[in-house]
C-alpha atoms as a PDB file:
ATOM      1  CA  MET A   1      54.666  33.985 -31.963  1.00  0.00           C
ATOM      2  CA  ALA A   2      54.848  37.656 -30.967  1.00  0.00           C
ATOM      3  CA  LEU A   3      54.692  40.169 -33.801  1.00  0.00           C
ATOM      4  CA  THR A   4      56.704  43.363 -33.360  1.00  0.00           C
ATOM      5  CA  GLY A   5      56.599  44.994 -36.805  1.00  0.00           C
ATOM      6  CA  PRO A   6      55.364  48.566 -37.293  1.00  0.00           C
ATOM      7  CA  ILE A   7      51.631  49.183 -37.678  1.00  0.00           C
ATOM      8  CA  VAL A   8      50.647  50.696 -41.005  1.00  0.00           C
ATOM      9  CA  LEU A   9      47.383  51.885 -42.538  1.00  0.00           C
ATOM     10  CA  THR A  10      46.901  49.451 -45.432  1.00  0.00           C
ATOM     11  CA  ASP A  11      43.599  50.681 -46.861  1.00  0.00           C
ATOM     12  CA  HIS A  12      41.195  53.539 -46.337  1.00  0.00           C
ATOM     13  CA  ARG A  13      38.213  55.139 -47.987  1.00  0.00           C
ATOM     14  CA  TYR A  14      35.360  57.375 -46.920  1.00  0.00           C
ATOM     15  CA  GLY A  15      32.144  58.712 -48.357  1.00  0.00           C
ATOM     16  CA  LYS A  16      28.462  59.435 -47.890  1.00  0.00           C
ATOM     17  CA  ALA A  17      26.194  56.402 -47.786  1.00  0.00           C
ATOM     18  CA  GLU A  18      22.602  56.117 -48.937  1.00  0.00           C
ATOM     19  CA  ASN A  19      21.682  59.526 -50.253  1.00  0.00           C
ATOM     20  CA  ARG A  20      18.024  59.045 -51.177  1.00  0.00           C
ATOM     21  CA  VAL A  21      17.419  61.126 -54.295  1.00  0.00           C
ATOM     22  CA  VAL A  22      13.988  61.448 -55.938  1.00  0.00           C
ATOM     23  CA  ARG A  23      14.057  63.295 -59.259  1.00  0.00           C
ATOM     24  CA  PHE A  24      10.986  64.337 -61.249  1.00  0.00           C
ATOM     25  CA  TYR A  25      11.031  65.384 -64.891  1.00  0.00           C
ATOM     26  CA  LYS A  26       8.267  67.945 -65.464  1.00  0.00           C
ATOM     27  CA  GLU A  27       8.871  69.235 -68.982  1.00  0.00           C
ATOM     28  CA  ASN A  28       5.176  68.694 -69.804  1.00  0.00           C
ATOM     29  CA  ALA A  29       1.965  67.447 -68.204  1.00  0.00           C
ATOM     30  CA  ARG A  30       3.214  63.849 -68.212  1.00  0.00           C
ATOM     31  CA  HIS A  31       5.856  63.650 -65.495  1.00  0.00           C
ATOM     32  CA  GLU A  32       8.643  61.076 -65.139  1.00  0.00           C
ATOM     33  CA  ILE A  33      10.214  59.819 -61.926  1.00  0.00           C
ATOM     34  CA  ARG A  34      13.667  58.537 -60.956  1.00  0.00           C
ATOM     35  CA  ASP A  35      14.050  57.208 -57.413  1.00  0.00           C
ATOM     36  CA  VAL A  36      17.580  56.224 -56.373  1.00  0.00           C
ATOM     37  CA  ASN A  37      19.761  55.533 -53.361  1.00  0.00           C
ATOM     38  CA  VAL A  38      23.305  56.818 -53.971  1.00  0.00           C
ATOM     39  CA  SER A  39      26.472  56.029 -52.013  1.00  0.00           C
ATOM     40  CA  THR A  40      29.867  57.590 -52.670  1.00  0.00           C
ATOM     41  CA  ALA A  41      33.310  56.379 -51.594  1.00  0.00           C
ATOM     42  CA  LEU A  42      36.589  58.188 -52.239  1.00  0.00           C
ATOM     43  CA  ARG A  43      40.131  56.839 -52.117  1.00  0.00           C
ATOM     44  CA  GLY A  44      43.244  58.990 -52.251  1.00  0.00           C
ATOM     45  CA  ASP A  45      45.707  61.000 -50.193  1.00  0.00           C
ATOM     46  CA  PHE A  46      43.782  60.882 -46.903  1.00  0.00           C
ATOM     47  CA  GLU A  47      46.206  58.975 -44.689  1.00  0.00           C
ATOM     48  CA  ALA A  48      46.968  61.979 -42.490  1.00  0.00           C
ATOM     49  CA  ALA A  49      43.288  62.260 -41.562  1.00  0.00           C
ATOM     50  CA  TYR A  50      43.532  58.807 -39.967  1.00  0.00           C
ATOM     51  CA  THR A  51      46.990  58.999 -38.445  1.00  0.00           C
ATOM     52  CA  ASP A  52      47.093  62.658 -37.357  1.00  0.00           C
ATOM     53  CA  GLY A  53      43.507  63.937 -37.585  1.00  0.00           C
ATOM     54  CA  ASP A  54      44.608  66.284 -40.383  1.00  0.00           C
ATOM     55  CA  GLN A  55      41.500  67.118 -42.444  1.00  0.00           C
ATOM     56  CA  SER A  56      43.186  69.433 -44.957  1.00  0.00           C
ATOM     57  CA  HIS A  57      42.777  66.924 -47.819  1.00  0.00           C
ATOM     58  CA  VAL A  58      39.315  65.704 -46.815  1.00  0.00           C
ATOM     59  CA  LEU A  59      36.311  66.769 -48.877  1.00  0.00           C
ATOM     60  CA  PRO A  60      33.423  66.600 -46.371  1.00  0.00           C
ATOM     61  CA  THR A  61      30.931  63.799 -46.797  1.00  0.00           C
ATOM     62  CA  ASP A  62      28.254  66.492 -46.590  1.00  0.00           C
ATOM     63  CA  THR A  63      29.674  67.973 -49.819  1.00  0.00           C
ATOM     64  CA  GLN A  64      29.533  64.553 -51.432  1.00  0.00           C
ATOM     65  CA  LYS A  65      25.851  64.384 -50.460  1.00  0.00           C
ATOM     66  CA  HIS A  66      25.202  67.723 -52.154  1.00  0.00           C
ATOM     67  CA  MET A  67      26.838  66.540 -55.372  1.00  0.00           C
ATOM     68  CA  ALA A  68      24.660  63.421 -55.481  1.00  0.00           C
ATOM     69  CA  PHE A  69      21.643  65.734 -55.627  1.00  0.00           C
ATOM     70  CA  VAL A  70      23.237  68.325 -57.923  1.00  0.00           C
ATOM     71  CA  TYR A  71      24.141  65.683 -60.512  1.00  0.00           C
ATOM     72  CA  SER A  72      20.569  64.342 -60.494  1.00  0.00           C
ATOM     73  CA  LYS A  73      19.620  67.696 -62.025  1.00  0.00           C
ATOM     74  CA  LYS A  74      22.634  68.219 -64.261  1.00  0.00           C
ATOM     75  CA  PRO A  75      23.506  66.117 -66.224  1.00  0.00           C
ATOM     76  CA  GLY A  76      20.501  64.207 -64.828  1.00  0.00           C
ATOM     77  CA  LEU A  77      19.298  60.694 -64.116  1.00  0.00           C
ATOM     78  CA  ASP A  78      18.331  59.474 -67.571  1.00  0.00           C
ATOM     79  CA  THR A  79      20.270  56.273 -66.836  1.00  0.00           C
ATOM     80  CA  ILE A  80      21.876  55.389 -63.532  1.00  0.00           C
ATOM     81  CA  GLU A  81      25.092  54.257 -65.229  1.00  0.00           C
ATOM     82  CA  GLU A  82      25.670  57.587 -66.994  1.00  0.00           C
ATOM     83  CA  TYR A  83      24.760  59.456 -63.801  1.00  0.00           C
ATOM     84  CA  ALA A  84      27.267  57.442 -61.753  1.00  0.00           C
ATOM     85  CA  ILE A  85      30.028  57.888 -64.344  1.00  0.00           C
ATOM     86  CA  ALA A  86      29.503  61.662 -64.365  1.00  0.00           C
ATOM     87  CA  LEU A  87      29.455  61.873 -60.552  1.00  0.00           C
ATOM     88  CA  GLY A  88      32.571  59.719 -60.209  1.00  0.00           C
ATOM     89  CA  LYS A  89      34.419  61.811 -62.796  1.00  0.00           C
ATOM     90  CA  HIS A  90      33.511  64.965 -60.907  1.00  0.00           C
ATOM     91  CA  PHE A  91      35.260  63.815 -57.742  1.00  0.00           C
ATOM     92  CA  VAL A  92      38.352  62.468 -59.521  1.00  0.00           C
ATOM     93  CA  ASP A  93      38.706  65.387 -61.945  1.00  0.00           C
ATOM     94  CA  THR A  94      38.042  68.281 -59.561  1.00  0.00           C
ATOM     95  CA  VAL A  95      39.246  67.160 -56.125  1.00  0.00           C
ATOM     96  CA  ASP A  96      43.037  66.945 -56.225  1.00  0.00           C
ATOM     97  CA  PRO A  97      43.654  64.420 -53.384  1.00  0.00           C
ATOM     98  CA  VAL A  98      41.120  61.939 -54.844  1.00  0.00           C
ATOM     99  CA  SER A  99      42.675  59.078 -56.820  1.00  0.00           C
ATOM    100  CA  SER A 100      39.487  57.060 -57.343  1.00  0.00           C
ATOM    101  CA  ALA A 101      35.775  57.334 -56.712  1.00  0.00           C
ATOM    102  CA  ARG A 102      33.231  54.571 -56.358  1.00  0.00           C
ATOM    103  CA  ILE A 103      29.548  55.382 -56.910  1.00  0.00           C
ATOM    104  CA  ASP A 104      26.888  52.812 -55.980  1.00  0.00           C
ATOM    105  CA  VAL A 105      23.315  53.392 -57.098  1.00  0.00           C
ATOM    106  CA  ASP A 106      20.159  51.455 -56.261  1.00  0.00           C
ATOM    107  CA  SER A 107      17.221  52.333 -58.506  1.00  0.00           C
ATOM    108  CA  PHE A 108      13.662  51.732 -57.308  1.00  0.00           C
ATOM    109  CA  GLY A 109      10.977  51.043 -59.897  1.00  0.00           C
ATOM    110  CA  TRP A 110       7.644  52.822 -60.147  1.00  0.00           C
ATOM    111  CA  GLN A 111       4.715  51.935 -62.416  1.00  0.00           C
ATOM    112  CA  ARG A 112       2.082  54.405 -63.523  1.00  0.00           C
ATOM    113  CA  VAL A 113      -1.358  54.096 -61.974  1.00  0.00           C
ATOM    114  CA  SER A 114      -4.104  53.546 -64.551  1.00  0.00           C
ATOM    115  CA  VAL A 115      -7.460  55.295 -64.207  1.00  0.00           C
ATOM    116  CA  ASP A 116     -10.340  54.163 -66.441  1.00  0.00           C
ATOM    117  CA  GLY A 117      -7.848  52.290 -68.606  1.00  0.00           C
ATOM    118  CA  ALA A 118      -5.506  55.257 -69.128  1.00  0.00           C
ATOM    119  CA  GLU A 119      -2.123  55.822 -67.491  1.00  0.00           C
ATOM    120  CA  HIS A 120      -2.120  58.727 -65.064  1.00  0.00           C
ATOM    121  CA  ASP A 121       0.353  61.524 -65.837  1.00  0.00           C
ATOM    122  CA  HIS A 122       1.742  62.016 -62.327  1.00  0.00           C
ATOM    123  CA  THR A 123       0.776  59.082 -60.091  1.00  0.00           C
ATOM    124  CA  TRP A 124       2.716  55.849 -59.632  1.00  0.00           C
ATOM    125  CA  VAL A 125       2.683  52.660 -57.573  1.00  0.00           C
ATOM    126  CA  ARG A 126       5.942  51.271 -56.270  1.00  0.00           C
ATOM    127  CA  GLN A 127       7.245  48.103 -57.948  1.00  0.00           C
ATOM    128  CA  GLY A 128       9.228  45.569 -56.041  1.00  0.00           C
ATOM    129  CA  PRO A 129      10.916  44.019 -54.340  1.00  0.00           C
ATOM    130  CA  GLU A 130      13.540  43.911 -57.112  1.00  0.00           C
ATOM    131  CA  ILE A 131      16.035  46.767 -57.358  1.00  0.00           C
ATOM    132  CA  ARG A 132      18.223  47.738 -60.289  1.00  0.00           C
ATOM    133  CA  THR A 133      21.832  48.459 -59.305  1.00  0.00           C
ATOM    134  CA  ALA A 134      24.941  50.086 -60.733  1.00  0.00           C
ATOM    135  CA  ALA A 135      28.456  50.390 -59.342  1.00  0.00           C
ATOM    136  CA  VAL A 136      30.856  52.705 -61.151  1.00  0.00           C
ATOM    137  CA  THR A 137      34.535  53.212 -60.352  1.00  0.00           C
ATOM    138  CA  VAL A 138      36.537  56.071 -61.853  1.00  0.00           C
ATOM    139  CA  ALA A 139      40.302  56.076 -61.216  1.00  0.00           C
ATOM    140  CA  GLY A 140      43.198  58.224 -62.359  1.00  0.00           C
ATOM    141  CA  LYS A 141      43.602  61.679 -63.831  1.00  0.00           C
ATOM    142  CA  GLY A 142      43.584  62.909 -67.411  1.00  0.00           C
ATOM    143  CA  GLU A 143      44.437  60.528 -70.242  1.00  0.00           C
ATOM    144  CA  ARG A 144      45.315  57.735 -67.805  1.00  0.00           C
ATOM    145  CA  GLN A 145      41.838  57.730 -66.309  1.00  0.00           C
ATOM    146  CA  ARG A 146      40.026  54.383 -66.276  1.00  0.00           C
ATOM    147  CA  ARG A 147      36.397  53.559 -65.664  1.00  0.00           C
ATOM    148  CA  TRP A 148      34.633  50.361 -64.694  1.00  0.00           C
ATOM    149  CA  VAL A 149      30.881  49.848 -64.772  1.00  0.00           C
ATOM    150  CA  ILE A 150      29.001  47.042 -63.036  1.00  0.00           C
ATOM    151  CA  GLY A 151      25.277  46.727 -63.676  1.00  0.00           C
ATOM    152  CA  GLY A 152      22.972  44.509 -61.732  1.00  0.00           C
ATOM    153  CA  ILE A 153      19.748  43.530 -60.078  1.00  0.00           C
ATOM    154  CA  LYS A 154      18.992  42.371 -56.553  1.00  0.00           C
ATOM    155  CA  ASP A 155      16.005  40.903 -54.728  1.00  0.00           C
ATOM    156  CA  LEU A 156      14.753  39.356 -57.974  1.00  0.00           C
ATOM    157  CA  VAL A 157      12.352  36.818 -56.490  1.00  0.00           C
ATOM    158  CA  LEU A 158      11.646  33.826 -58.748  1.00  0.00           C
ATOM    159  CA  LEU A 159       9.736  30.585 -58.227  1.00  0.00           C
ATOM    160  CA  LYS A 160       8.789  27.601 -60.368  1.00  0.00           C
ATOM    161  CA  SER A 161       6.413  24.917 -59.133  1.00  0.00           C
ATOM    162  CA  THR A 162       8.009  22.048 -61.072  1.00  0.00           C
ATOM    163  CA  GLY A 163      10.802  21.408 -63.563  1.00  0.00           C
ATOM    164  CA  SER A 164      13.416  20.986 -60.842  1.00  0.00           C
ATOM    165  CA  GLU A 165      14.980  18.058 -59.020  1.00  0.00           C
ATOM    166  CA  PHE A 166      17.780  17.301 -56.589  1.00  0.00           C
ATOM    167  CA  ALA A 167      19.015  13.722 -56.531  1.00  0.00           C
ATOM    168  CA  ASP A 168      22.144  11.553 -56.802  1.00  0.00           C
ATOM    169  CA  PHE A 169      24.008  13.823 -54.375  1.00  0.00           C
ATOM    170  CA  LEU A 170      26.880  12.872 -52.099  1.00  0.00           C
ATOM    171  CA  THR A 171      25.801  11.371 -48.776  1.00  0.00           C
ATOM    172  CA  ASP A 172      27.456  10.456 -45.509  1.00  0.00           C
ATOM    173  CA  GLU A 173      26.311   9.155 -42.112  1.00  0.00           C
ATOM    174  CA  TYR A 174      24.752  12.542 -41.309  1.00  0.00           C
ATOM    175  CA  THR A 175      22.704  12.904 -44.495  1.00  0.00           C
ATOM    176  CA  THR A 176      18.952  12.779 -43.946  1.00  0.00           C
ATOM    177  CA  LEU A 177      17.748  14.645 -47.039  1.00  0.00           C
ATOM    178  CA  ALA A 178      15.745  12.436 -49.372  1.00  0.00           C
ATOM    179  CA  PRO A 179      16.300  12.794 -53.121  1.00  0.00           C
ATOM    180  CA  THR A 180      13.484  14.314 -55.135  1.00  0.00           C
ATOM    181  CA  HIS A 181      12.762  14.413 -58.852  1.00  0.00           C
ATOM    182  CA  ASP A 182      10.038  17.051 -58.604  1.00  0.00           C
ATOM    183  CA  ARG A 183      10.431  20.047 -56.335  1.00  0.00           C
ATOM    184  CA  VAL A 184       9.666  23.738 -56.039  1.00  0.00           C
ATOM    185  CA  LEU A 185      12.641  25.919 -57.010  1.00  0.00           C
ATOM    186  CA  ALA A 186      12.647  29.430 -55.573  1.00  0.00           C
ATOM    187  CA  SER A 187      15.256  32.109 -55.002  1.00  0.00           C
ATOM    188  CA  SER A 188      15.867  35.812 -54.462  1.00  0.00           C
ATOM    189  CA  LEU A 189      18.630  36.506 -56.948  1.00  0.00           C
ATOM    190  CA  VAL A 190      21.445  39.025 -56.746  1.00  0.00           C
ATOM    191  CA  VAL A 191      23.154  39.348 -60.137  1.00  0.00           C
ATOM    192  CA  GLN A 192      25.940  41.727 -61.166  1.00  0.00           C
ATOM    193  CA  TRP A 193      27.552  42.025 -64.581  1.00  0.00           C
ATOM    194  CA  ARG A 194      30.766  43.857 -65.465  1.00  0.00           C
ATOM    195  CA  PHE A 195      30.839  45.730 -68.757  1.00  0.00           C
ATOM    196  CA  ALA A 196      33.862  45.368 -71.026  1.00  0.00           C
ATOM    197  CA  GLU A 197      33.193  48.884 -72.318  1.00  0.00           C
ATOM    198  CA  THR A 198      31.600  51.976 -70.863  1.00  0.00           C
ATOM    199  CA  GLY A 199      29.466  53.319 -73.679  1.00  0.00           C
ATOM    200  CA  GLY A 200      28.247  52.969 -77.240  1.00  0.00           C
ATOM    201  CA  PHE A 201      25.005  51.179 -76.379  1.00  0.00           C
ATOM    202  CA  ASP A 202      21.674  51.810 -74.662  1.00  0.00           C
ATOM    203  CA  TRP A 203      22.129  51.096 -70.930  1.00  0.00           C
ATOM    204  CA  ASP A 204      18.386  50.673 -70.298  1.00  0.00           C
ATOM    205  CA  GLU A 205      17.967  48.367 -73.284  1.00  0.00           C
ATOM    206  CA  VAL A 206      20.837  46.139 -72.161  1.00  0.00           C
ATOM    207  CA  TYR A 207      19.467  46.005 -68.605  1.00  0.00           C
ATOM    208  CA  ALA A 208      16.002  45.016 -69.816  1.00  0.00           C
ATOM    209  CA  GLY A 209      17.504  42.363 -72.102  1.00  0.00           C
ATOM    210  CA  ILE A 210      19.638  40.803 -69.368  1.00  0.00           C
ATOM    211  CA  ARG A 211      16.711  40.771 -66.962  1.00  0.00           C
ATOM    212  CA  ALA A 212      14.507  39.082 -69.571  1.00  0.00           C
ATOM    213  CA  THR A 213      17.266  36.524 -70.236  1.00  0.00           C
ATOM    214  CA  LEU A 214      17.550  35.665 -66.539  1.00  0.00           C
ATOM    215  CA  LEU A 215      13.798  35.129 -66.280  1.00  0.00           C
ATOM    216  CA  GLU A 216      13.674  33.054 -69.475  1.00  0.00           C
ATOM    217  CA  LEU A 217      16.483  30.706 -68.495  1.00  0.00           C
ATOM    218  CA  PHE A 218      15.174  30.233 -64.969  1.00  0.00           C
ATOM    219  CA  ALA A 219      11.808  29.248 -66.407  1.00  0.00           C
ATOM    220  CA  THR A 220      12.953  27.027 -69.278  1.00  0.00           C
ATOM    221  CA  THR A 221      16.005  25.249 -67.847  1.00  0.00           C
ATOM    222  CA  TYR A 222      15.130  21.844 -66.439  1.00  0.00           C
ATOM    223  CA  SER A 223      17.085  22.123 -63.242  1.00  0.00           C
ATOM    224  CA  LYS A 224      18.976  19.229 -61.689  1.00  0.00           C
ATOM    225  CA  ALA A 225      20.455  21.730 -59.227  1.00  0.00           C
ATOM    226  CA  LEU A 226      20.284  25.458 -58.602  1.00  0.00           C
ATOM    227  CA  GLN A 227      23.980  25.545 -59.551  1.00  0.00           C
ATOM    228  CA  GLN A 228      23.098  24.292 -63.039  1.00  0.00           C
ATOM    229  CA  THR A 229      20.378  26.927 -63.382  1.00  0.00           C
ATOM    230  CA  LEU A 230      22.759  29.741 -62.442  1.00  0.00           C
ATOM    231  CA  TYR A 231      25.302  28.510 -64.973  1.00  0.00           C
ATOM    232  CA  ALA A 232      22.653  28.435 -67.719  1.00  0.00           C
ATOM    233  CA  MET A 233      21.464  31.941 -66.848  1.00  0.00           C
ATOM    234  CA  GLY A 234      24.962  33.410 -66.757  1.00  0.00           C
ATOM    235  CA  THR A 235      26.024  31.689 -69.978  1.00  0.00           C
ATOM    236  CA  ALA A 236      22.998  32.969 -71.870  1.00  0.00           C
ATOM    237  CA  ALA A 237      23.550  36.538 -70.645  1.00  0.00           C
ATOM    238  CA  LEU A 238      27.182  36.546 -71.800  1.00  0.00           C
ATOM    239  CA  GLU A 239      26.305  34.953 -75.142  1.00  0.00           C
ATOM    240  CA  ARG A 240      23.554  37.458 -75.920  1.00  0.00           C
ATOM    241  CA  PHE A 241      25.319  40.606 -74.737  1.00  0.00           C
ATOM    242  CA  PRO A 242      28.869  40.868 -76.109  1.00  0.00           C
ATOM    243  CA  MET A 243      29.562  44.089 -74.173  1.00  0.00           C
ATOM    244  CA  LEU A 244      29.699  42.049 -70.945  1.00  0.00           C
ATOM    245  CA  ALA A 245      33.014  40.769 -69.573  1.00  0.00           C
ATOM    246  CA  GLU A 246      31.724  38.708 -66.654  1.00  0.00           C
ATOM    247  CA  ILE A 247      28.653  38.017 -64.562  1.00  0.00           C
ATOM    248  CA  ARG A 248      28.266  37.079 -60.906  1.00  0.00           C
ATOM    249  CA  LEU A 249      25.170  35.367 -59.572  1.00  0.00           C
ATOM    250  CA  SER A 250      24.181  34.768 -55.960  1.00  0.00           C
ATOM    251  CA  ALA A 251      21.084  32.747 -55.143  1.00  0.00           C
ATOM    252  CA  PRO A 252      19.687  31.650 -51.806  1.00  0.00           C
ATOM    253  CA  ASN A 253      17.793  28.404 -52.265  1.00  0.00           C
ATOM    254  CA  LYS A 254      14.396  29.209 -50.770  1.00  0.00           C
ATOM    255  CA  HIS A 255      13.285  25.788 -49.636  1.00  0.00           C
ATOM    256  CA  HIS A 256       9.669  24.647 -49.944  1.00  0.00           C
ATOM    257  CA  PHE A 257       8.705  21.438 -48.133  1.00  0.00           C
ATOM    258  CA  ASP A 258       5.611  19.304 -48.674  1.00  0.00           C
ATOM    259  CA  TYR A 259       3.315  19.882 -45.732  1.00  0.00           C
ATOM    260  CA  ASP A 260       2.138  16.732 -43.977  1.00  0.00           C
ATOM    261  CA  LEU A 261      -1.624  16.621 -44.470  1.00  0.00           C
ATOM    262  CA  ALA A 262      -1.842  12.805 -44.275  1.00  0.00           C
ATOM    263  CA  ARG A 263      -2.238  13.032 -40.481  1.00  0.00           C
ATOM    264  CA  PHE A 264      -5.528  14.795 -41.180  1.00  0.00           C
ATOM    265  CA  GLU A 265      -6.466  12.175 -43.783  1.00  0.00           C
ATOM    266  CA  ILE A 266      -6.007  14.745 -46.577  1.00  0.00           C
ATOM    267  CA  GLU A 267      -3.994  13.847 -49.653  1.00  0.00           C
ATOM    268  CA  ASN A 268      -1.262  16.342 -50.615  1.00  0.00           C
ATOM    269  CA  LYS A 269      -0.096  15.712 -54.167  1.00  0.00           C
ATOM    270  CA  GLY A 270       2.570  18.402 -54.326  1.00  0.00           C
ATOM    271  CA  GLU A 271       0.041  21.175 -53.827  1.00  0.00           C
ATOM    272  CA  VAL A 272       0.577  22.500 -50.293  1.00  0.00           C
ATOM    273  CA  PHE A 273       4.043  23.537 -49.087  1.00  0.00           C
ATOM    274  CA  TRP A 274       5.696  25.051 -46.072  1.00  0.00           C
ATOM    275  CA  ALA A 275       8.024  27.858 -47.184  1.00  0.00           C
ATOM    276  CA  ALA A 276      11.084  27.990 -44.909  1.00  0.00           C
ATOM    277  CA  ASP A 277      12.918  31.322 -44.778  1.00  0.00           C
ATOM    278  CA  ARG A 278      15.957  29.884 -42.938  1.00  0.00           C
ATOM    279  CA  PRO A 279      18.239  28.139 -42.995  1.00  0.00           C
ATOM    280  CA  TYR A 280      18.756  28.213 -46.750  1.00  0.00           C
ATOM    281  CA  GLY A 281      21.292  27.031 -49.274  1.00  0.00           C
ATOM    282  CA  SER A 282      23.596  29.803 -50.500  1.00  0.00           C
ATOM    283  CA  ILE A 283      24.731  29.280 -54.091  1.00  0.00           C
ATOM    284  CA  HIS A 284      27.206  31.493 -55.975  1.00  0.00           C
ATOM    285  CA  ALA A 285      28.683  31.450 -59.467  1.00  0.00           C
ATOM    286  CA  THR A 286      30.966  33.717 -61.500  1.00  0.00           C
ATOM    287  CA  LEU A 287      31.249  33.333 -65.278  1.00  0.00           C
ATOM    288  CA  ALA A 288      33.713  35.321 -67.390  1.00  0.00           C
ATOM    289  CA  ARG A 289      34.942  35.439 -70.948  1.00  0.00           C
ATOM    290  CA  ALA A 290      38.432  34.044 -71.438  1.00  0.00           C
ATOM    291  CA  ASP A 291      39.397  37.296 -73.194  1.00  0.00           C
ATOM    292  CA  ALA A 292      37.698  39.605 -70.681  1.00  0.00           C
ATOM    293  CA  PRO A 293      39.609  42.807 -69.891  1.00  0.00           C
ATOM    294  CA  ASP A 294      41.192  43.057 -66.467  1.00  0.00           C
ATOM    295  CA  ALA A 295      38.700  43.849 -63.708  1.00  0.00           C
ATOM    296  CA  GLY A 296      41.176  46.142 -61.985  1.00  0.00           C
ATOM    297  CA  ILE A 297      39.499  47.673 -58.932  1.00  0.00           C
ATOM    298  CA  ALA A 298      35.974  47.284 -60.312  1.00  0.00           C
ATOM    299  CA  TRP A 299      34.833  44.942 -57.548  1.00  0.00           C
ATOM    300  CA  GLN A 300      36.432  46.790 -54.647  1.00  0.00           C
ATOM    301  CA  PRO A 301      33.737  48.136 -52.315  1.00  0.00           C
END
């Protein structure tokens, strides 16, 4: 079938990706550090820039870069959620063609170096690989303005040496996997949670609590499948933190296989494994409250 309808621009956005901002707080001898990667994306009245090359409504991406650094100083980077809200509001409130702004922030952790048992005032060692994340969307002008905040964590690498099985699964003529009632369970989690409200609580405290909940449930849930573990983790996070509307979890199943030492006349009683990086199972789950407020454009990239 030949299609002959007119061609239209159905979506567009532009911004400055991965502005690496390092902010020190030096009010006294003991310094603090904030290390973030900030990406901005603007939507609005920019169609002419695509169709006609008309840049008259386009705020340069270079200007967006400058604002990512300016806002790290004022109002500052005390929490990445508040920083992203303030930056998003700046673009929507002050740039007339902008209808919505999306601010994505990755926050890299640093731990103080200890010397002779005492924390050093201005030296750190990088933590990792996990990264704290925030995605804030600000849309609309004036009293009709709406905000959505998504917190998260990625590259949260977890492993348990027992307390997991995978058995009684569906099989067909191509199934070769043997069931097991004792296996290593490992993953590198990506978790994002949407807030039902955008203030009135301590952002850092909530983040630390959700992270602790994820670790606790991964450790203590006897897992018949990674899917079951994700469901337990997401349920606990929503139950313990009423300001959350929904949570999304993505978990590659990092397979560990018993290494064959019998050929060398060495007994391997679940002690030596081959860790395969690919292929891997890719497991996803989204849990939401039945009365969760509408997500609107919160999840749009």
